[in-house]
Protein backbone atom coordinates (compact mmCIF):
# COMPACT_ATOMS: atom_id res chain seq x y z
CA UNK A 1 0.00 0.00 0.00
CA UNK A 2 1.29 3.45 -0.91
CA UNK A 3 2.27 5.59 2.10
CA UNK A 4 1.25 9.24 2.37
CA UNK A 5 4.06 11.62 3.26
CA UNK A 6 3.78 15.31 4.08
CA UNK A 7 6.67 17.45 2.82
CA UNK A 8 6.90 21.00 4.16
CA UNK A 9 9.66 23.61 4.25
CA UNK A 10 9.95 27.20 5.32
CA UNK A 11 11.36 29.61 2.75
CA UNK A 12 14.95 29.46 4.03
CA UNK A 13 14.83 25.63 4.00
CA UNK A 14 13.10 24.96 0.65
CA UNK A 15 16.42 24.50 -1.14
CA UNK A 16 17.54 21.99 1.52
CA UNK A 17 14.31 20.01 1.28
CA UNK A 18 14.38 19.99 -2.52
CA UNK A 19 17.97 18.73 -2.44
CA UNK A 20 16.92 15.98 -0.01
CA UNK A 21 13.93 15.04 -2.17
CA UNK A 22 16.14 14.81 -5.28
CA UNK A 23 18.66 12.64 -3.41
CA UNK A 24 15.86 10.32 -2.19
CA UNK A 25 13.49 10.45 -5.17
CA UNK A 26 13.58 6.68 -5.78
CA UNK A 27 12.31 5.94 -2.27
CA UNK A 28 9.92 8.90 -2.22
CA UNK A 29 8.33 7.98 -5.56
CA UNK A 30 6.85 4.94 -3.84
CA UNK A 31 4.78 7.40 -1.75
CA UNK A 32 2.01 9.89 -2.32
CA UNK A 33 3.35 13.32 -1.33
CA UNK A 34 1.27 16.13 0.17
CA UNK A 35 3.02 19.49 0.22
CA UNK A 36 2.18 23.03 1.19
CA UNK A 37 2.25 25.82 -1.41
CA UNK A 38 5.55 26.67 -3.04
CA UNK A 39 7.22 23.59 -1.57
CA UNK A 40 4.70 21.48 -3.47
CA UNK A 41 5.38 23.25 -6.75
CA UNK A 42 9.10 22.55 -6.33
CA UNK A 43 8.66 18.95 -5.23
CA UNK A 44 6.22 18.32 -8.10
CA UNK A 45 9.15 18.81 -10.51
CA UNK A 46 10.96 15.85 -8.92
CA UNK A 47 8.32 13.39 -7.71
CA UNK A 48 5.49 11.69 -9.61
CA UNK A 49 2.56 11.77 -7.18
CA UNK A 50 2.28 15.17 -5.47
CA UNK A 51 -0.77 16.97 -4.14
CA UNK A 52 -0.13 20.68 -3.60
CA UNK A 53 -2.11 22.24 -0.76
CA UNK A 54 -2.42 25.91 0.14
CA UNK A 55 0.61 27.87 1.27
CA UNK A 56 1.33 27.36 4.99
CA UNK A 57 0.33 30.90 6.05
CA UNK A 58 -2.85 30.64 3.93
CA UNK A 59 -4.07 27.43 5.57
CA UNK A 60 -1.82 24.69 4.20
CA UNK A 61 -0.47 23.80 7.65
CA UNK A 62 -4.04 23.48 8.89
CA UNK A 63 -4.99 21.34 5.89
CA UNK A 64 -2.16 18.95 6.76
CA UNK A 65 -3.20 18.97 10.43
CA UNK A 66 -6.72 17.94 9.41
CA UNK A 67 -5.31 15.15 7.23
CA UNK A 68 -3.27 13.91 10.19
CA UNK A 69 -6.38 13.91 12.41
CA UNK A 70 -8.18 11.91 9.71
CA UNK A 71 -5.26 9.42 9.60
CA UNK A 72 -4.43 10.31 5.99
CA UNK A 73 -0.73 11.08 6.62
CA UNK A 74 1.79 8.38 7.53
CA UNK A 75 4.98 10.48 7.82
CA UNK A 76 5.97 14.13 7.83
CA UNK A 77 9.21 15.78 6.79
CA UNK A 78 9.15 19.44 7.86
CA UNK A 79 12.34 21.40 7.30
CA UNK A 80 11.46 24.38 9.46
CA UNK A 81 13.59 27.44 9.97
CA UNK A 82 14.38 27.93 13.67
CA UNK A 83 16.17 31.22 13.00
CA UNK A 84 13.35 33.19 11.39
CA UNK A 85 10.04 34.26 12.92
CA UNK A 86 7.15 33.03 10.82
CA UNK A 87 3.90 34.98 10.48
CA UNK A 88 2.06 31.70 10.99
CA UNK A 89 4.04 30.32 13.95
CA UNK A 90 0.81 29.32 15.71
CA UNK A 91 -0.15 27.18 12.69
CA UNK A 92 3.28 25.56 12.64
CA UNK A 93 3.03 24.77 16.34
CA UNK A 94 -0.47 23.35 15.83
CA UNK A 95 0.75 21.15 12.96
CA UNK A 96 3.65 19.79 15.01
CA UNK A 97 1.26 19.24 17.93
CA UNK A 98 -0.95 17.10 15.68
CA UNK A 99 2.00 14.91 14.65
CA UNK A 100 2.78 14.27 18.32
CA UNK A 101 -0.87 13.77 19.27
CA UNK A 102 -1.41 11.20 16.50
CA UNK A 103 2.08 9.67 16.79
CA UNK A 104 3.11 10.50 13.22
CA UNK A 105 6.83 9.96 12.56
CA UNK A 106 8.17 13.48 11.95
CA UNK A 107 11.57 14.71 10.84
CA UNK A 108 12.50 18.36 11.21
CA UNK A 109 16.02 18.13 9.82
CA UNK A 110 17.91 16.21 7.16
CA UNK A 111 19.61 13.77 9.53
CA UNK A 112 16.32 12.66 11.07
CA UNK A 113 14.68 12.46 7.63
CA UNK A 114 17.54 10.23 6.44
CA UNK A 115 17.16 7.96 9.47
CA UNK A 116 13.40 7.80 8.96
CA UNK A 117 13.31 6.76 5.32
CA UNK A 118 16.15 4.25 5.71
CA UNK A 119 14.49 2.55 8.68
CA UNK A 120 13.27 -1.03 8.18
CA UNK A 121 9.88 0.22 9.45
CA UNK A 122 9.53 2.87 6.73
CA UNK A 123 7.76 0.70 4.15
CA UNK A 124 6.55 -1.96 6.53
CA UNK A 125 2.82 -2.22 5.87
CA UNK A 126 2.34 -4.18 9.08
CA UNK A 127 3.75 -1.44 11.32
CA UNK A 128 1.01 0.43 13.14
CA UNK A 129 2.12 3.35 15.34
CA UNK A 130 0.85 2.99 18.90
CA UNK A 131 -1.92 5.43 19.69
CA UNK A 132 -2.45 6.91 23.13
CA UNK A 133 -5.89 6.22 24.54
CA UNK A 134 -7.67 9.57 24.83
CA UNK A 135 -11.00 8.09 25.97
CA UNK A 136 -10.59 9.50 29.50
CA UNK A 137 -10.03 12.95 28.01
CA UNK A 138 -13.05 12.61 25.73
CA UNK A 139 -15.28 11.49 28.61
CA UNK A 140 -14.11 14.06 31.18
CA UNK A 141 -17.38 16.00 31.14
CA UNK A 142 -19.86 13.13 30.79
CA UNK A 143 -20.52 12.93 34.54
CA UNK A 144 -20.95 16.70 34.89
CA UNK A 145 -23.34 16.87 31.94
CA UNK A 146 -25.48 14.07 33.36
CA UNK A 147 -25.70 15.89 36.67
CA UNK A 148 -26.48 19.21 34.98
CA UNK A 149 -23.23 20.95 35.89
CA UNK A 150 -19.89 21.31 34.20
CA UNK A 151 -18.25 22.51 37.40
CA UNK A 152 -15.94 25.53 37.29
CA UNK A 153 -15.93 27.71 34.18
CA UNK A 154 -13.40 26.60 31.58
CA UNK A 155 -12.70 29.96 30.01
C-alpha atoms as a PDB file:
ATOM      1  CA  UNK A   1       0.000   0.000   0.000  1.00  0.00           C
ATOM      2  CA  UNK A   2       1.295   3.454  -0.914  1.00  0.00           C
ATOM      3  CA  UNK A   3       2.266   5.586   2.099  1.00  0.00           C
ATOM      4  CA  UNK A   4       1.254   9.240   2.375  1.00  0.00           C
ATOM      5  CA  UNK A   5       4.063  11.619   3.256  1.00  0.00           C
ATOM      6  CA  UNK A   6       3.776  15.312   4.076  1.00  0.00           C
ATOM      7  CA  UNK A   7       6.665  17.453   2.818  1.00  0.00           C
ATOM      8  CA  UNK A   8       6.905  21.002   4.164  1.00  0.00           C
ATOM      9  CA  UNK A   9       9.663  23.608   4.246  1.00  0.00           C
ATOM     10  CA  UNK A  10       9.949  27.198   5.324  1.00  0.00           C
ATOM     11  CA  UNK A  11      11.359  29.614   2.746  1.00  0.00           C
ATOM     12  CA  UNK A  12      14.954  29.456   4.029  1.00  0.00           C
ATOM     13  CA  UNK A  13      14.834  25.633   4.003  1.00  0.00           C
ATOM     14  CA  UNK A  14      13.105  24.959   0.654  1.00  0.00           C
ATOM     15  CA  UNK A  15      16.425  24.501  -1.143  1.00  0.00           C
ATOM     16  CA  UNK A  16      17.536  21.993   1.522  1.00  0.00           C
ATOM     17  CA  UNK A  17      14.306  20.011   1.276  1.00  0.00           C
ATOM     18  CA  UNK A  18      14.382  19.985  -2.518  1.00  0.00           C
ATOM     19  CA  UNK A  19      17.975  18.731  -2.437  1.00  0.00           C
ATOM     20  CA  UNK A  20      16.924  15.985  -0.005  1.00  0.00           C
ATOM     21  CA  UNK A  21      13.931  15.038  -2.174  1.00  0.00           C
ATOM     22  CA  UNK A  22      16.144  14.812  -5.284  1.00  0.00           C
ATOM     23  CA  UNK A  23      18.655  12.642  -3.408  1.00  0.00           C
ATOM     24  CA  UNK A  24      15.856  10.316  -2.195  1.00  0.00           C
ATOM     25  CA  UNK A  25      13.491  10.451  -5.174  1.00  0.00           C
ATOM     26  CA  UNK A  26      13.584   6.682  -5.779  1.00  0.00           C
ATOM     27  CA  UNK A  27      12.311   5.941  -2.268  1.00  0.00           C
ATOM     28  CA  UNK A  28       9.917   8.897  -2.217  1.00  0.00           C
ATOM     29  CA  UNK A  29       8.332   7.984  -5.562  1.00  0.00           C
ATOM     30  CA  UNK A  30       6.854   4.942  -3.838  1.00  0.00           C
ATOM     31  CA  UNK A  31       4.783   7.403  -1.753  1.00  0.00           C
ATOM     32  CA  UNK A  32       2.009   9.895  -2.321  1.00  0.00           C
ATOM     33  CA  UNK A  33       3.351  13.324  -1.326  1.00  0.00           C
ATOM     34  CA  UNK A  34       1.274  16.131   0.167  1.00  0.00           C
ATOM     35  CA  UNK A  35       3.018  19.488   0.219  1.00  0.00           C
ATOM     36  CA  UNK A  36       2.182  23.026   1.186  1.00  0.00           C
ATOM     37  CA  UNK A  37       2.250  25.821  -1.406  1.00  0.00           C
ATOM     38  CA  UNK A  38       5.550  26.666  -3.041  1.00  0.00           C
ATOM     39  CA  UNK A  39       7.218  23.591  -1.569  1.00  0.00           C
ATOM     40  CA  UNK A  40       4.701  21.480  -3.468  1.00  0.00           C
ATOM     41  CA  UNK A  41       5.380  23.254  -6.745  1.00  0.00           C
ATOM     42  CA  UNK A  42       9.104  22.554  -6.334  1.00  0.00           C
ATOM     43  CA  UNK A  43       8.659  18.948  -5.232  1.00  0.00           C
ATOM     44  CA  UNK A  44       6.225  18.324  -8.097  1.00  0.00           C
ATOM     45  CA  UNK A  45       9.151  18.813 -10.506  1.00  0.00           C
ATOM     46  CA  UNK A  46      10.959  15.849  -8.921  1.00  0.00           C
ATOM     47  CA  UNK A  47       8.316  13.386  -7.706  1.00  0.00           C
ATOM     48  CA  UNK A  48       5.494  11.695  -9.611  1.00  0.00           C
ATOM     49  CA  UNK A  49       2.559  11.767  -7.180  1.00  0.00           C
ATOM     50  CA  UNK A  50       2.279  15.170  -5.466  1.00  0.00           C
ATOM     51  CA  UNK A  51      -0.773  16.973  -4.135  1.00  0.00           C
ATOM     52  CA  UNK A  52      -0.130  20.679  -3.603  1.00  0.00           C
ATOM     53  CA  UNK A  53      -2.107  22.240  -0.756  1.00  0.00           C
ATOM     54  CA  UNK A  54      -2.422  25.912   0.136  1.00  0.00           C
ATOM     55  CA  UNK A  55       0.609  27.870   1.274  1.00  0.00           C
ATOM     56  CA  UNK A  56       1.325  27.358   4.989  1.00  0.00           C
ATOM     57  CA  UNK A  57       0.325  30.896   6.047  1.00  0.00           C
ATOM     58  CA  UNK A  58      -2.849  30.644   3.934  1.00  0.00           C
ATOM     59  CA  UNK A  59      -4.067  27.435   5.573  1.00  0.00           C
ATOM     60  CA  UNK A  60      -1.816  24.687   4.205  1.00  0.00           C
ATOM     61  CA  UNK A  61      -0.473  23.798   7.648  1.00  0.00           C
ATOM     62  CA  UNK A  62      -4.044  23.479   8.889  1.00  0.00           C
ATOM     63  CA  UNK A  63      -4.987  21.340   5.893  1.00  0.00           C
ATOM     64  CA  UNK A  64      -2.160  18.954   6.761  1.00  0.00           C
ATOM     65  CA  UNK A  65      -3.201  18.965  10.426  1.00  0.00           C
ATOM     66  CA  UNK A  66      -6.716  17.942   9.410  1.00  0.00           C
ATOM     67  CA  UNK A  67      -5.315  15.150   7.227  1.00  0.00           C
ATOM     68  CA  UNK A  68      -3.272  13.914  10.190  1.00  0.00           C
ATOM     69  CA  UNK A  69      -6.383  13.909  12.407  1.00  0.00           C
ATOM     70  CA  UNK A  70      -8.180  11.912   9.708  1.00  0.00           C
ATOM     71  CA  UNK A  71      -5.255   9.420   9.601  1.00  0.00           C
ATOM     72  CA  UNK A  72      -4.434  10.306   5.986  1.00  0.00           C
ATOM     73  CA  UNK A  73      -0.730  11.077   6.616  1.00  0.00           C
ATOM     74  CA  UNK A  74       1.791   8.378   7.534  1.00  0.00           C
ATOM     75  CA  UNK A  75       4.978  10.479   7.818  1.00  0.00           C
ATOM     76  CA  UNK A  76       5.965  14.130   7.835  1.00  0.00           C
ATOM     77  CA  UNK A  77       9.205  15.781   6.791  1.00  0.00           C
ATOM     78  CA  UNK A  78       9.146  19.435   7.864  1.00  0.00           C
ATOM     79  CA  UNK A  79      12.341  21.395   7.298  1.00  0.00           C
ATOM     80  CA  UNK A  80      11.459  24.381   9.461  1.00  0.00           C
ATOM     81  CA  UNK A  81      13.591  27.440   9.972  1.00  0.00           C
ATOM     82  CA  UNK A  82      14.383  27.934  13.673  1.00  0.00           C
ATOM     83  CA  UNK A  83      16.170  31.225  12.997  1.00  0.00           C
ATOM     84  CA  UNK A  84      13.346  33.189  11.387  1.00  0.00           C
ATOM     85  CA  UNK A  85      10.044  34.259  12.918  1.00  0.00           C
ATOM     86  CA  UNK A  86       7.149  33.033  10.818  1.00  0.00           C
ATOM     87  CA  UNK A  87       3.897  34.981  10.476  1.00  0.00           C
ATOM     88  CA  UNK A  88       2.062  31.700  10.991  1.00  0.00           C
ATOM     89  CA  UNK A  89       4.043  30.324  13.950  1.00  0.00           C
ATOM     90  CA  UNK A  90       0.809  29.321  15.710  1.00  0.00           C
ATOM     91  CA  UNK A  91      -0.155  27.183  12.693  1.00  0.00           C
ATOM     92  CA  UNK A  92       3.279  25.559  12.641  1.00  0.00           C
ATOM     93  CA  UNK A  93       3.028  24.772  16.339  1.00  0.00           C
ATOM     94  CA  UNK A  94      -0.472  23.349  15.828  1.00  0.00           C
ATOM     95  CA  UNK A  95       0.754  21.148  12.955  1.00  0.00           C
ATOM     96  CA  UNK A  96       3.651  19.791  15.009  1.00  0.00           C
ATOM     97  CA  UNK A  97       1.262  19.239  17.927  1.00  0.00           C
ATOM     98  CA  UNK A  98      -0.945  17.102  15.679  1.00  0.00           C
ATOM     99  CA  UNK A  99       1.997  14.914  14.646  1.00  0.00           C
ATOM    100  CA  UNK A 100       2.785  14.272  18.324  1.00  0.00           C
ATOM    101  CA  UNK A 101      -0.866  13.767  19.274  1.00  0.00           C
ATOM    102  CA  UNK A 102      -1.411  11.205  16.504  1.00  0.00           C
ATOM    103  CA  UNK A 103       2.083   9.669  16.794  1.00  0.00           C
ATOM    104  CA  UNK A 104       3.107  10.497  13.221  1.00  0.00           C
ATOM    105  CA  UNK A 105       6.831   9.963  12.564  1.00  0.00           C
ATOM    106  CA  UNK A 106       8.171  13.478  11.949  1.00  0.00           C
ATOM    107  CA  UNK A 107      11.567  14.709  10.842  1.00  0.00           C
ATOM    108  CA  UNK A 108      12.499  18.365  11.215  1.00  0.00           C
ATOM    109  CA  UNK A 109      16.020  18.127   9.817  1.00  0.00           C
ATOM    110  CA  UNK A 110      17.913  16.206   7.162  1.00  0.00           C
ATOM    111  CA  UNK A 111      19.606  13.766   9.530  1.00  0.00           C
ATOM    112  CA  UNK A 112      16.321  12.663  11.067  1.00  0.00           C
ATOM    113  CA  UNK A 113      14.685  12.465   7.631  1.00  0.00           C
ATOM    114  CA  UNK A 114      17.539  10.226   6.444  1.00  0.00           C
ATOM    115  CA  UNK A 115      17.159   7.956   9.474  1.00  0.00           C
ATOM    116  CA  UNK A 116      13.403   7.799   8.964  1.00  0.00           C
ATOM    117  CA  UNK A 117      13.310   6.760   5.317  1.00  0.00           C
ATOM    118  CA  UNK A 118      16.155   4.249   5.709  1.00  0.00           C
ATOM    119  CA  UNK A 119      14.490   2.546   8.675  1.00  0.00           C
ATOM    120  CA  UNK A 120      13.267  -1.027   8.181  1.00  0.00           C
ATOM    121  CA  UNK A 121       9.878   0.221   9.448  1.00  0.00           C
ATOM    122  CA  UNK A 122       9.528   2.874   6.730  1.00  0.00           C
ATOM    123  CA  UNK A 123       7.763   0.704   4.147  1.00  0.00           C
ATOM    124  CA  UNK A 124       6.548  -1.964   6.532  1.00  0.00           C
ATOM    125  CA  UNK A 125       2.815  -2.223   5.869  1.00  0.00           C
ATOM    126  CA  UNK A 126       2.336  -4.175   9.078  1.00  0.00           C
ATOM    127  CA  UNK A 127       3.750  -1.438  11.319  1.00  0.00           C
ATOM    128  CA  UNK A 128       1.006   0.434  13.143  1.00  0.00           C
ATOM    129  CA  UNK A 129       2.116   3.351  15.339  1.00  0.00           C
ATOM    130  CA  UNK A 130       0.845   2.989  18.901  1.00  0.00           C
ATOM    131  CA  UNK A 131      -1.917   5.435  19.691  1.00  0.00           C
ATOM    132  CA  UNK A 132      -2.451   6.907  23.128  1.00  0.00           C
ATOM    133  CA  UNK A 133      -5.893   6.223  24.535  1.00  0.00           C
ATOM    134  CA  UNK A 134      -7.670   9.570  24.835  1.00  0.00           C
ATOM    135  CA  UNK A 135     -11.003   8.090  25.969  1.00  0.00           C
ATOM    136  CA  UNK A 136     -10.594   9.495  29.504  1.00  0.00           C
ATOM    137  CA  UNK A 137     -10.028  12.947  28.008  1.00  0.00           C
ATOM    138  CA  UNK A 138     -13.054  12.614  25.730  1.00  0.00           C
ATOM    139  CA  UNK A 139     -15.280  11.495  28.608  1.00  0.00           C
ATOM    140  CA  UNK A 140     -14.111  14.056  31.182  1.00  0.00           C
ATOM    141  CA  UNK A 141     -17.382  15.996  31.140  1.00  0.00           C
ATOM    142  CA  UNK A 142     -19.861  13.126  30.793  1.00  0.00           C
ATOM    143  CA  UNK A 143     -20.518  12.933  34.543  1.00  0.00           C
ATOM    144  CA  UNK A 144     -20.953  16.704  34.890  1.00  0.00           C
ATOM    145  CA  UNK A 145     -23.336  16.867  31.939  1.00  0.00           C
ATOM    146  CA  UNK A 146     -25.476  14.068  33.356  1.00  0.00           C
ATOM    147  CA  UNK A 147     -25.696  15.892  36.675  1.00  0.00           C
ATOM    148  CA  UNK A 148     -26.478  19.210  34.984  1.00  0.00           C
ATOM    149  CA  UNK A 149     -23.227  20.953  35.889  1.00  0.00           C
ATOM    150  CA  UNK A 150     -19.888  21.306  34.199  1.00  0.00           C
ATOM    151  CA  UNK A 151     -18.246  22.511  37.398  1.00  0.00           C
ATOM    152  CA  UNK A 152     -15.944  25.532  37.287  1.00  0.00           C
ATOM    153  CA  UNK A 153     -15.928  27.715  34.180  1.00  0.00           C
ATOM    154  CA  UNK A 154     -13.403  26.595  31.579  1.00  0.00           C
ATOM    155  CA  UNK A 155     -12.697  29.964  30.007  1.00  0.00           C
END
